[in-house]
Amino acid sequence: MADKRVKTRDPDALSAARARLYAAAPTGEMSLGQSVRAMRKISGLTQAEYAAHRKVSLQALRQIERDQGNPTVDTLNKLAQVFGLRVGLVPIQPAGLVVECKKGR
């Protein structure tokens, strides 16, 4: 008999969720907390499991997912590294704003 605690996961749905994360996180469409929560959900882990796996405290993970606290860059990199991501600088521009550069200036 199959273990009822183990949920089967749709690979297409996981790929779509990962694509949404990669598209939305760098543009600011997802907050930091939403991005971390999405990474954890895609991984299929509870908060306690993800925190242990990424070697961060459960309290820190919970605060980050609620967009509270003040995580270090090291903590954020630990959480994102498994997805091939790292903390970086992202331009702050309203959507649709086009910045033109003129030669000679």
PDB file of N, CA and C in Angstrom:
ATOM      1  N   MET A   1       0.844  -1.193   0.000  1.00  0.00           N
ATOM      2  CA  MET A   1       0.000   0.000   0.000  1.00  0.00           C
ATOM      3  C   MET A   1       0.883   1.247   0.000  1.00  0.00           C
ATOM      4  N   ALA A   2       0.531   2.227  -0.796  1.00  0.00           N
ATOM      5  CA  ALA A   2       1.308   3.460  -0.932  1.00  0.00           C
ATOM      6  C   ALA A   2       1.172   4.320   0.319  1.00  0.00           C
ATOM      7  N   ASP A   3       2.224   5.041   0.628  1.00  0.00           N
ATOM      8  CA  ASP A   3       2.230   5.950   1.765  1.00  0.00           C
ATOM      9  C   ASP A   3       1.375   7.168   1.418  1.00  0.00           C
ATOM     10  N   LYS A   4       0.321   7.407   2.184  1.00  0.00           N
ATOM     11  CA  LYS A   4      -0.607   8.506   1.892  1.00  0.00           C
ATOM     12  C   LYS A   4      -0.005   9.871   2.209  1.00  0.00           C
ATOM     13  N   ARG A   5       1.077   9.879   2.982  1.00  0.00           N
ATOM     14  CA  ARG A   5       1.718  11.153   3.307  1.00  0.00           C
ATOM     15  C   ARG A   5       2.499  11.707   2.129  1.00  0.00           C
ATOM     16  N   VAL A   6       2.904  10.842   1.225  1.00  0.00           N
ATOM     17  CA  VAL A   6       3.676  11.278   0.066  1.00  0.00           C
ATOM     18  C   VAL A   6       2.716  11.708  -1.032  1.00  0.00           C
ATOM     19  N   LYS A   7       2.825  12.969  -1.416  1.00  0.00           N
ATOM     20  CA  LYS A   7       1.946  13.494  -2.457  1.00  0.00           C
ATOM     21  C   LYS A   7       2.660  13.409  -3.801  1.00  0.00           C
ATOM     22  N   THR A   8       1.923  12.980  -4.802  1.00  0.00           N
ATOM     23  CA  THR A   8       2.506  12.999  -6.144  1.00  0.00           C
ATOM     24  C   THR A   8       2.445  14.430  -6.639  1.00  0.00           C
ATOM     25  N   ARG A   9       3.492  14.828  -7.348  1.00  0.00           N
ATOM     26  CA  ARG A   9       3.588  16.213  -7.797  1.00  0.00           C
ATOM     27  C   ARG A   9       3.691  16.233  -9.307  1.00  0.00           C
ATOM     28  N   ASP A  10       2.950  17.112  -9.899  1.00  0.00           N
ATOM     29  CA  ASP A  10       2.893  17.245 -11.350  1.00  0.00           C
ATOM     30  C   ASP A  10       4.133  17.989 -11.848  1.00  0.00           C
ATOM     31  N   PRO A  11       4.996  17.327 -12.622  1.00  0.00           N
ATOM     32  CA  PRO A  11       6.221  17.976 -13.114  1.00  0.00           C
ATOM     33  C   PRO A  11       5.947  19.228 -13.948  1.00  0.00           C
ATOM     34  N   ASP A  12       4.861  19.224 -14.721  1.00  0.00           N
ATOM     35  CA  ASP A  12       4.530  20.405 -15.531  1.00  0.00           C
ATOM     36  C   ASP A  12       4.158  21.589 -14.646  1.00  0.00           C
ATOM     37  N   ALA A  13       3.414  21.312 -13.578  1.00  0.00           N
ATOM     38  CA  ALA A  13       3.027  22.372 -12.655  1.00  0.00           C
ATOM     39  C   ALA A  13       4.251  22.926 -11.929  1.00  0.00           C
ATOM     40  N   LEU A  14       5.195  22.044 -11.565  1.00  0.00           N
ATOM     41  CA  LEU A  14       6.413  22.492 -10.907  1.00  0.00           C
ATOM     42  C   LEU A  14       7.266  23.342 -11.848  1.00  0.00           C
ATOM     43  N   SER A  15       7.349  22.938 -13.101  1.00  0.00           N
ATOM     44  CA  SER A  15       8.102  23.722 -14.094  1.00  0.00           C
ATOM     45  C   SER A  15       7.465  25.090 -14.293  1.00  0.00           C
ATOM     46  N   ALA A  16       6.153  25.129 -14.341  1.00  0.00           N
ATOM     47  CA  ALA A  16       5.442  26.398 -14.506  1.00  0.00           C
ATOM     48  C   ALA A  16       5.664  27.300 -13.292  1.00  0.00           C
ATOM     49  N   ALA A  17       5.634  26.726 -12.099  1.00  0.00           N
ATOM     50  CA  ALA A  17       5.860  27.503 -10.876  1.00  0.00           C
ATOM     51  C   ALA A  17       7.276  28.061 -10.852  1.00  0.00           C
ATOM     52  N   ARG A  18       8.242  27.243 -11.267  1.00  0.00           N
ATOM     53  CA  ARG A  18       9.633  27.693 -11.325  1.00  0.00           C
ATOM     54  C   ARG A  18       9.785  28.820 -12.353  1.00  0.00           C
ATOM     55  N   ALA A  19       9.140  28.699 -13.498  1.00  0.00           N
ATOM     56  CA  ALA A  19       9.205  29.738 -14.533  1.00  0.00           C
ATOM     57  C   ALA A  19       8.596  31.043 -14.018  1.00  0.00           C
ATOM     58  N   ARG A  20       7.467  30.951 -13.294  1.00  0.00           N
ATOM     59  CA  ARG A  20       6.852  32.155 -12.712  1.00  0.00           C
ATOM     60  C   ARG A  20       7.801  32.814 -11.715  1.00  0.00           C
ATOM     61  N   LEU A  21       8.452  31.989 -10.893  1.00  0.00           N
ATOM     62  CA  LEU A  21       9.402  32.516  -9.909  1.00  0.00           C
ATOM     63  C   LEU A  21      10.539  33.248 -10.619  1.00  0.00           C
ATOM     64  N   TYR A  22      11.143  32.616 -11.621  1.00  0.00           N
ATOM     65  CA  TYR A  22      12.266  33.222 -12.334  1.00  0.00           C
ATOM     66  C   TYR A  22      11.857  34.493 -13.073  1.00  0.00           C
ATOM     67  N   ALA A  23      10.613  34.573 -13.524  1.00  0.00           N
ATOM     68  CA  ALA A  23      10.149  35.762 -14.240  1.00  0.00           C
ATOM     69  C   ALA A  23       9.749  36.884 -13.284  1.00  0.00           C
ATOM     70  N   ALA A  24       9.108  36.549 -12.179  1.00  0.00           N
ATOM     71  CA  ALA A  24       8.526  37.564 -11.297  1.00  0.00           C
ATOM     72  C   ALA A  24       9.492  38.109 -10.245  1.00  0.00           C
ATOM     73  N   ALA A  25      10.371  37.280  -9.724  1.00  0.00           N
ATOM     74  CA  ALA A  25      11.239  37.727  -8.629  1.00  0.00           C
ATOM     75  C   ALA A  25      12.143  38.890  -9.019  1.00  0.00           C
ATOM     76  N   PRO A  26      12.872  38.821 -10.135  1.00  0.00           N
ATOM     77  CA  PRO A  26      13.784  39.928 -10.440  1.00  0.00           C
ATOM     78  C   PRO A  26      13.093  41.221 -10.861  1.00  0.00           C
ATOM     79  N   THR A  27      11.845  41.161 -11.224  1.00  0.00           N
ATOM     80  CA  THR A  27      11.143  42.370 -11.655  1.00  0.00           C
ATOM     81  C   THR A  27      10.408  43.047 -10.507  1.00  0.00           C
ATOM     82  N   GLY A  28      10.397  42.417  -9.347  1.00  0.00           N
ATOM     83  CA  GLY A  28       9.694  42.979  -8.204  1.00  0.00           C
ATOM     84  C   GLY A  28       8.220  42.635  -8.163  1.00  0.00           C
ATOM     85  N   GLU A  29       7.762  41.790  -9.092  1.00  0.00           N
ATOM     86  CA  GLU A  29       6.357  41.372  -9.065  1.00  0.00           C
ATOM     87  C   GLU A  29       6.071  40.496  -7.847  1.00  0.00           C
ATOM     88  N   MET A  30       7.100  39.827  -7.345  1.00  0.00           N
ATOM     89  CA  MET A  30       6.998  39.031  -6.121  1.00  0.00           C
ATOM     90  C   MET A  30       7.882  39.696  -5.076  1.00  0.00           C
ATOM     91  N   SER A  31       7.380  39.777  -3.858  1.00  0.00           N
ATOM     92  CA  SER A  31       8.214  40.290  -2.778  1.00  0.00           C
ATOM     93  C   SER A  31       9.267  39.233  -2.440  1.00  0.00           C
ATOM     94  N   LEU A  32      10.225  39.622  -1.656  1.00  0.00           N
ATOM     95  CA  LEU A  32      11.247  38.680  -1.217  1.00  0.00           C
ATOM     96  C   LEU A  32      10.606  37.498  -0.497  1.00  0.00           C
ATOM     97  N   GLY A  33       9.676  37.790   0.401  1.00  0.00           N
ATOM     98  CA  GLY A  33       8.994  36.734   1.141  1.00  0.00           C
ATOM     99  C   GLY A  33       8.209  35.810   0.232  1.00  0.00           C
ATOM    100  N   GLN A  34       7.522  36.371  -0.745  1.00  0.00           N
ATOM    101  CA  GLN A  34       6.768  35.551  -1.694  1.00  0.00           C
ATOM    102  C   GLN A  34       7.705  34.665  -2.507  1.00  0.00           C
ATOM    103  N   SER A  35       8.851  35.195  -2.870  1.00  0.00           N
ATOM    104  CA  SER A  35       9.824  34.420  -3.643  1.00  0.00           C
ATOM    105  C   SER A  35      10.368  33.253  -2.836  1.00  0.00           C
ATOM    106  N   VAL A  36      10.728  33.510  -1.587  1.00  0.00           N
ATOM    107  CA  VAL A  36      11.258  32.442  -0.732  1.00  0.00           C
ATOM    108  C   VAL A  36      10.183  31.388  -0.480  1.00  0.00           C
ATOM    109  N   ARG A  37       8.962  31.834  -0.236  1.00  0.00           N
ATOM    110  CA  ARG A  37       7.867  30.882  -0.025  1.00  0.00           C
ATOM    111  C   ARG A  37       7.644  30.035  -1.282  1.00  0.00           C
ATOM    112  N   ALA A  38       7.703  30.665  -2.453  1.00  0.00           N
ATOM    113  CA  ALA A  38       7.528  29.928  -3.703  1.00  0.00           C
ATOM    114  C   ALA A  38       8.629  28.881  -3.868  1.00  0.00           C
ATOM    115  N   MET A  39       9.872  29.242  -3.553  1.00  0.00           N
ATOM    116  CA  MET A  39      10.975  28.278  -3.647  1.00  0.00           C
ATOM    117  C   MET A  39      10.725  27.089  -2.725  1.00  0.00           C
ATOM    118  N   ARG A  40      10.273  27.377  -1.512  1.00  0.00           N
ATOM    119  CA  ARG A  40      10.007  26.300  -0.560  1.00  0.00           C
ATOM    120  C   ARG A  40       8.872  25.411  -1.036  1.00  0.00           C
ATOM    121  N   LYS A  41       7.801  26.019  -1.530  1.00  0.00           N
ATOM    122  CA  LYS A  41       6.643  25.253  -2.010  1.00  0.00           C
ATOM    123  C   LYS A  41       7.031  24.385  -3.210  1.00  0.00           C
ATOM    124  N   ILE A  42       7.818  24.929  -4.128  1.00  0.00           N
ATOM    125  CA  ILE A  42       8.272  24.159  -5.283  1.00  0.00           C
ATOM    126  C   ILE A  42       9.092  22.966  -4.814  1.00  0.00           C
ATOM    127  N   SER A  43       9.866  23.168  -3.749  1.00  0.00           N
ATOM    128  CA  SER A  43      10.677  22.083  -3.196  1.00  0.00           C
ATOM    129  C   SER A  43       9.825  21.020  -2.515  1.00  0.00           C
ATOM    130  N   GLY A  44       8.595  21.375  -2.166  1.00  0.00           N
ATOM    131  CA  GLY A  44       7.700  20.418  -1.515  1.00  0.00           C
ATOM    132  C   GLY A  44       8.027  20.189  -0.049  1.00  0.00           C
ATOM    133  N   LEU A  45       8.655  21.171   0.572  1.00  0.00           N
ATOM    134  CA  LEU A  45       9.067  21.024   1.962  1.00  0.00           C
ATOM    135  C   LEU A  45       8.269  21.938   2.881  1.00  0.00           C
ATOM    136  N   THR A  46       8.165  21.534   4.144  1.00  0.00           N
ATOM    137  CA  THR A  46       7.566  22.407   5.155  1.00  0.00           C
ATOM    138  C   THR A  46       8.579  23.477   5.509  1.00  0.00           C
ATOM    139  N   GLN A  47       8.143  24.466   6.268  1.00  0.00           N
ATOM    140  CA  GLN A  47       9.080  25.504   6.691  1.00  0.00           C
ATOM    141  C   GLN A  47      10.225  24.893   7.498  1.00  0.00           C
ATOM    142  N   ALA A  48       9.906  23.995   8.410  1.00  0.00           N
ATOM    143  CA  ALA A  48      10.943  23.371   9.242  1.00  0.00           C
ATOM    144  C   ALA A  48      11.921  22.564   8.393  1.00  0.00           C
ATOM    145  N   GLU A  49      11.413  21.833   7.418  1.00  0.00           N
ATOM    146  CA  GLU A  49      12.274  21.021   6.553  1.00  0.00           C
ATOM    147  C   GLU A  49      13.173  21.896   5.680  1.00  0.00           C
ATOM    148  N   TYR A  50      12.598  22.947   5.100  1.00  0.00           N
ATOM    149  CA  TYR A  50      13.378  23.829   4.225  1.00  0.00           C
ATOM    150  C   TYR A  50      14.448  24.562   5.030  1.00  0.00           C
ATOM    151  N   ALA A  51      14.086  25.042   6.229  1.00  0.00           N
ATOM    152  CA  ALA A  51      15.059  25.736   7.078  1.00  0.00           C
ATOM    153  C   ALA A  51      16.218  24.808   7.434  1.00  0.00           C
ATOM    154  N   ALA A  52      15.917  23.580   7.802  1.00  0.00           N
ATOM    155  CA  ALA A  52      16.974  22.623   8.151  1.00  0.00           C
ATOM    156  C   ALA A  52      17.835  22.290   6.927  1.00  0.00           C
ATOM    157  N   HIS A  53      17.185  22.095   5.799  1.00  0.00           N
ATOM    158  CA  HIS A  53      17.898  21.766   4.567  1.00  0.00           C
ATOM    159  C   HIS A  53      18.840  22.886   4.139  1.00  0.00           C
ATOM    160  N   ARG A  54      18.401  24.132   4.285  1.00  0.00           N
ATOM    161  CA  ARG A  54      19.200  25.285   3.860  1.00  0.00           C
ATOM    162  C   ARG A  54      20.077  25.822   4.989  1.00  0.00           C
ATOM    163  N   LYS A  55      20.007  25.206   6.168  1.00  0.00           N
ATOM    164  CA  LYS A  55      20.832  25.580   7.323  1.00  0.00           C
ATOM    165  C   LYS A  55      20.598  27.022   7.781  1.00  0.00           C
ATOM    166  N   VAL A  56      19.314  27.361   7.894  1.00  0.00           N
ATOM    167  CA  VAL A  56      18.922  28.638   8.485  1.00  0.00           C
ATOM    168  C   VAL A  56      17.927  28.334   9.590  1.00  0.00           C
ATOM    169  N   SER A  57      17.747  29.272  10.491  1.00  0.00           N
ATOM    170  CA  SER A  57      16.812  29.012  11.590  1.00  0.00           C
ATOM    171  C   SER A  57      15.372  29.064  11.083  1.00  0.00           C
ATOM    172  N   LEU A  58      14.533  28.291  11.724  1.00  0.00           N
ATOM    173  CA  LEU A  58      13.114  28.271  11.376  1.00  0.00           C
ATOM    174  C   LEU A  58      12.500  29.650  11.592  1.00  0.00           C
ATOM    175  N   GLN A  59      12.890  30.308  12.676  1.00  0.00           N
ATOM    176  CA  GLN A  59      12.365  31.644  12.960  1.00  0.00           C
ATOM    177  C   GLN A  59      12.744  32.622  11.847  1.00  0.00           C
ATOM    178  N   ALA A  60      13.980  32.552  11.376  1.00  0.00           N
ATOM    179  CA  ALA A  60      14.414  33.453  10.300  1.00  0.00           C
ATOM    180  C   ALA A  60      13.609  33.198   9.033  1.00  0.00           C
ATOM    181  N   LEU A  61      13.421  31.925   8.678  1.00  0.00           N
ATOM    182  CA  LEU A  61      12.643  31.599   7.482  1.00  0.00           C
ATOM    183  C   LEU A  61      11.214  32.117   7.595  1.00  0.00           C
ATOM    184  N   ARG A  62      10.604  31.926   8.746  1.00  0.00           N
ATOM    185  CA  ARG A  62       9.224  32.401   8.938  1.00  0.00           C
ATOM    186  C   ARG A  62       9.133  33.913   8.787  1.00  0.00           C
ATOM    187  N   GLN A  63      10.089  34.628   9.355  1.00  0.00           N
ATOM    188  CA  GLN A  63      10.090  36.092   9.243  1.00  0.00           C
ATOM    189  C   GLN A  63      10.279  36.527   7.794  1.00  0.00           C
ATOM    190  N   ILE A  64      11.175  35.862   7.084  1.00  0.00           N
ATOM    191  CA  ILE A  64      11.423  36.216   5.687  1.00  0.00           C
ATOM    192  C   ILE A  64      10.172  35.987   4.847  1.00  0.00           C
ATOM    193  N   GLU A  65       9.508  34.845   5.046  1.00  0.00           N
ATOM    194  CA  GLU A  65       8.298  34.550   4.272  1.00  0.00           C
ATOM    195  C   GLU A  65       7.175  35.535   4.562  1.00  0.00           C
ATOM    196  N   ARG A  66       7.197  36.175   5.734  1.00  0.00           N
ATOM    197  CA  ARG A  66       6.185  37.185   6.073  1.00  0.00           C
ATOM    198  C   ARG A  66       6.651  38.590   5.698  1.00  0.00           C
ATOM    199  N   ASP A  67       7.805  38.680   4.997  1.00  0.00           N
ATOM    200  CA  ASP A  67       8.399  39.979   4.643  1.00  0.00           C
ATOM    201  C   ASP A  67       8.685  40.818   5.875  1.00  0.00           C
ATOM    202  N   GLN A  68       9.149  40.158   6.924  1.00  0.00           N
ATOM    203  CA  GLN A  68       9.533  40.836   8.161  1.00  0.00           C
ATOM    204  C   GLN A  68      10.983  40.480   8.465  1.00  0.00           C
ATOM    205  N   GLY A  69      11.522  41.085   9.475  1.00  0.00           N
ATOM    206  CA  GLY A  69      12.892  40.785   9.862  1.00  0.00           C
ATOM    207  C   GLY A  69      13.886  41.488   8.952  1.00  0.00           C
ATOM    208  N   ASN A  70      15.138  41.170   9.153  1.00  0.00           N
ATOM    209  CA  ASN A  70      16.209  41.804   8.401  1.00  0.00           C
ATOM    210  C   ASN A  70      17.263  40.737   8.098  1.00  0.00           C
ATOM    211  N   PRO A  71      16.984  39.862   7.122  1.00  0.00           N
ATOM    212  CA  PRO A  71      17.907  38.761   6.852  1.00  0.00           C
ATOM    213  C   PRO A  71      19.223  39.254   6.260  1.00  0.00           C
ATOM    214  N   THR A  72      20.278  38.519   6.534  1.00  0.00           N
ATOM    215  CA  THR A  72      21.573  38.855   5.957  1.00  0.00           C
ATOM    216  C   THR A  72      21.625  38.359   4.513  1.00  0.00           C
ATOM    217  N   VAL A  73      22.555  38.903   3.759  1.00  0.00           N
ATOM    218  CA  VAL A  73      22.755  38.455   2.384  1.00  0.00           C
ATOM    219  C   VAL A  73      23.128  36.972   2.392  1.00  0.00           C
ATOM    220  N   ASP A  74      23.934  36.558   3.361  1.00  0.00           N
ATOM    221  CA  ASP A  74      24.337  35.149   3.468  1.00  0.00           C
ATOM    222  C   ASP A  74      23.114  34.249   3.651  1.00  0.00           C
ATOM    223  N   THR A  75      22.195  34.640   4.516  1.00  0.00           N
ATOM    224  CA  THR A  75      20.977  33.845   4.741  1.00  0.00           C
ATOM    225  C   THR A  75      20.156  33.753   3.463  1.00  0.00           C
ATOM    226  N   LEU A  76      19.980  34.876   2.784  1.00  0.00           N
ATOM    227  CA  LEU A  76      19.202  34.880   1.545  1.00  0.00           C
ATOM    228  C   LEU A  76      19.864  34.015   0.477  1.00  0.00           C
ATOM    229  N   ASN A  77      21.178  34.064   0.388  1.00  0.00           N
ATOM    230  CA  ASN A  77      21.883  33.223  -0.582  1.00  0.00           C
ATOM    231  C   ASN A  77      21.733  31.746  -0.254  1.00  0.00           C
ATOM    232  N   LYS A  78      21.728  31.402   1.025  1.00  0.00           N
ATOM    233  CA  LYS A  78      21.521  30.003   1.424  1.00  0.00           C
ATOM    234  C   LYS A  78      20.152  29.515   0.955  1.00  0.00           C
ATOM    235  N   LEU A  79      19.152  30.366   1.074  1.00  0.00           N
ATOM    236  CA  LEU A  79      17.790  29.980   0.697  1.00  0.00           C
ATOM    237  C   LEU A  79      17.631  29.861  -0.816  1.00  0.00           C
ATOM    238  N   ALA A  80      18.303  30.710  -1.557  1.00  0.00           N
ATOM    239  CA  ALA A  80      18.109  30.780  -3.008  1.00  0.00           C
ATOM    240  C   ALA A  80      19.080  29.921  -3.811  1.00  0.00           C
ATOM    241  N   GLN A  81      20.191  29.541  -3.215  1.00  0.00           N
ATOM    242  CA  GLN A  81      21.245  28.837  -3.946  1.00  0.00           C
ATOM    243  C   GLN A  81      20.760  27.561  -4.611  1.00  0.00           C
ATOM    244  N   VAL A  82      19.890  26.829  -3.962  1.00  0.00           N
ATOM    245  CA  VAL A  82      19.397  25.566  -4.514  1.00  0.00           C
ATOM    246  C   VAL A  82      18.639  25.779  -5.827  1.00  0.00           C
ATOM    247  N   PHE A  83      18.175  27.004  -6.071  1.00  0.00           N
ATOM    248  CA  PHE A  83      17.470  27.340  -7.313  1.00  0.00           C
ATOM    249  C   PHE A  83      18.389  28.036  -8.317  1.00  0.00           C
ATOM    250  N   GLY A  84      19.673  28.057  -8.013  1.00  0.00           N
ATOM    251  CA  GLY A  84      20.614  28.705  -8.923  1.00  0.00           C
ATOM    252  C   GLY A  84      20.516  30.217  -8.880  1.00  0.00           C
ATOM    253  N   LEU A  85      20.034  30.750  -7.775  1.00  0.00           N
ATOM    254  CA  LEU A  85      19.863  32.195  -7.622  1.00  0.00           C
ATOM    255  C   LEU A  85      20.776  32.714  -6.530  1.00  0.00           C
ATOM    256  N   ARG A  86      21.044  34.014  -6.590  1.00  0.00           N
ATOM    257  CA  ARG A  86      21.785  34.668  -5.523  1.00  0.00           C
ATOM    258  C   ARG A  86      21.283  36.101  -5.407  1.00  0.00           C
ATOM    259  N   VAL A  87      21.576  36.709  -4.289  1.00  0.00           N
ATOM    260  CA  VAL A  87      21.154  38.082  -4.049  1.00  0.00           C
ATOM    261  C   VAL A  87      21.971  38.993  -4.957  1.00  0.00           C
ATOM    262  N   GLY A  88      21.293  39.954  -5.564  1.00  0.00           N
ATOM    263  CA  GLY A  88      21.968  40.895  -6.444  1.00  0.00           C
ATOM    264  C   GLY A  88      21.246  42.220  -6.466  1.00  0.00           C
ATOM    265  N   LEU A  89      21.796  43.115  -7.198  1.00  0.00           N
ATOM    266  CA  LEU A  89      21.191  44.441  -7.346  1.00  0.00           C
ATOM    267  C   LEU A  89      20.241  44.423  -8.532  1.00  0.00           C
ATOM    268  N   VAL A  90      19.061  44.935  -8.296  1.00  0.00           N
ATOM    269  CA  VAL A  90      18.027  44.977  -9.326  1.00  0.00           C
ATOM    270  C   VAL A  90      17.642  46.440  -9.529  1.00  0.00           C
ATOM    271  N   PRO A  91      17.581  46.886 -10.786  1.00  0.00           N
ATOM    272  CA  PRO A  91      17.216  48.282 -11.023  1.00  0.00           C
ATOM    273  C   PRO A  91      15.812  48.591 -10.515  1.00  0.00           C
ATOM    274  N   ILE A  92      15.679  49.764  -9.966  1.00  0.00           N
ATOM    275  CA  ILE A  92      14.370  50.213  -9.491  1.00  0.00           C
ATOM    276  C   ILE A  92      13.807  51.145 -10.543  1.00  0.00           C
ATOM    277  N   GLN A  93      12.923  50.616 -11.361  1.00  0.00           N
ATOM    278  CA  GLN A  93      12.287  51.405 -12.409  1.00  0.00           C
ATOM    279  C   GLN A  93      10.828  50.993 -12.497  1.00  0.00           C
ATOM    280  N   PRO A  94       9.950  51.954 -12.662  1.00  0.00           N
ATOM    281  CA  PRO A  94       8.554  51.596 -12.885  1.00  0.00           C
ATOM    282  C   PRO A  94       8.425  50.767 -14.167  1.00  0.00           C
ATOM    283  N   ALA A  95       7.497  49.853 -14.187  1.00  0.00           N
ATOM    284  CA  ALA A  95       7.273  49.023 -15.371  1.00  0.00           C
ATOM    285  C   ALA A  95       6.962  49.913 -16.566  1.00  0.00           C
ATOM    286  N   GLY A  96       7.567  49.603 -17.676  1.00  0.00           N
ATOM    287  CA  GLY A  96       7.307  50.348 -18.904  1.00  0.00           C
ATOM    288  C   GLY A  96       8.173  51.579 -19.094  1.00  0.00           C
ATOM    289  N   LEU A  97       8.951  51.956 -18.071  1.00  0.00           N
ATOM    290  CA  LEU A  97       9.816  53.118 -18.200  1.00  0.00           C
ATOM    291  C   LEU A  97      10.999  52.764 -19.081  1.00  0.00           C
ATOM    292  N   VAL A  98      11.248  53.562 -20.073  1.00  0.00           N
ATOM    293  CA  VAL A  98      12.364  53.341 -20.979  1.00  0.00           C
ATOM    294  C   VAL A  98      13.403  54.419 -20.715  1.00  0.00           C
ATOM    295  N   VAL A  99      14.620  53.994 -20.453  1.00  0.00           N
ATOM    296  CA  VAL A  99      15.714  54.927 -20.217  1.00  0.00           C
ATOM    297  C   VAL A  99      16.564  54.976 -21.473  1.00  0.00           C
ATOM    298  N   GLU A 100      16.750  56.170 -22.022  1.00  0.00           N
ATOM    299  CA  GLU A 100      17.534  56.325 -23.227  1.00  0.00           C
ATOM    300  C   GLU A 100      18.904  56.883 -22.870  1.00  0.00           C
ATOM    301  N   CYS A 101      19.905  56.347 -23.499  1.00  0.00           N
ATOM    302  CA  CYS A 101      21.270  56.850 -23.351  1.00  0.00           C
ATOM    303  C   CYS A 101      21.674  57.514 -24.651  1.00  0.00           C
ATOM    304  N   LYS A 102      22.142  58.739 -24.563  1.00  0.00           N
ATOM    305  CA  LYS A 102      22.583  59.451 -25.763  1.00  0.00           C
ATOM    306  C   LYS A 102      24.093  59.421 -25.831  1.00  0.00           C
ATOM    307  N   LYS A 103      24.604  59.243 -27.023  1.00  0.00           N
ATOM    308  CA  LYS A 103      26.054  59.233 -27.234  1.00  0.00           C
ATOM    309  C   LYS A 103      26.640  60.569 -26.860  1.00  0.00           C
ATOM    310  N   GLY A 104      27.843  60.499 -26.258  1.00  0.00           N
ATOM    311  CA  GLY A 104      28.552  61.722 -25.942  1.00  0.00           C
ATOM    312  C   GLY A 104      28.164  62.332 -24.623  1.00  0.00           C
ATOM    313  N   ARG A 105      27.315  61.702 -23.881  1.00  0.00           N
ATOM    314  CA  ARG A 105      26.929  62.266 -22.569  1.00  0.00           C
ATOM    315  C   ARG A 105      27.270  61.336 -21.464  1.00  0.00           C
TER     316      ARG A 105
END
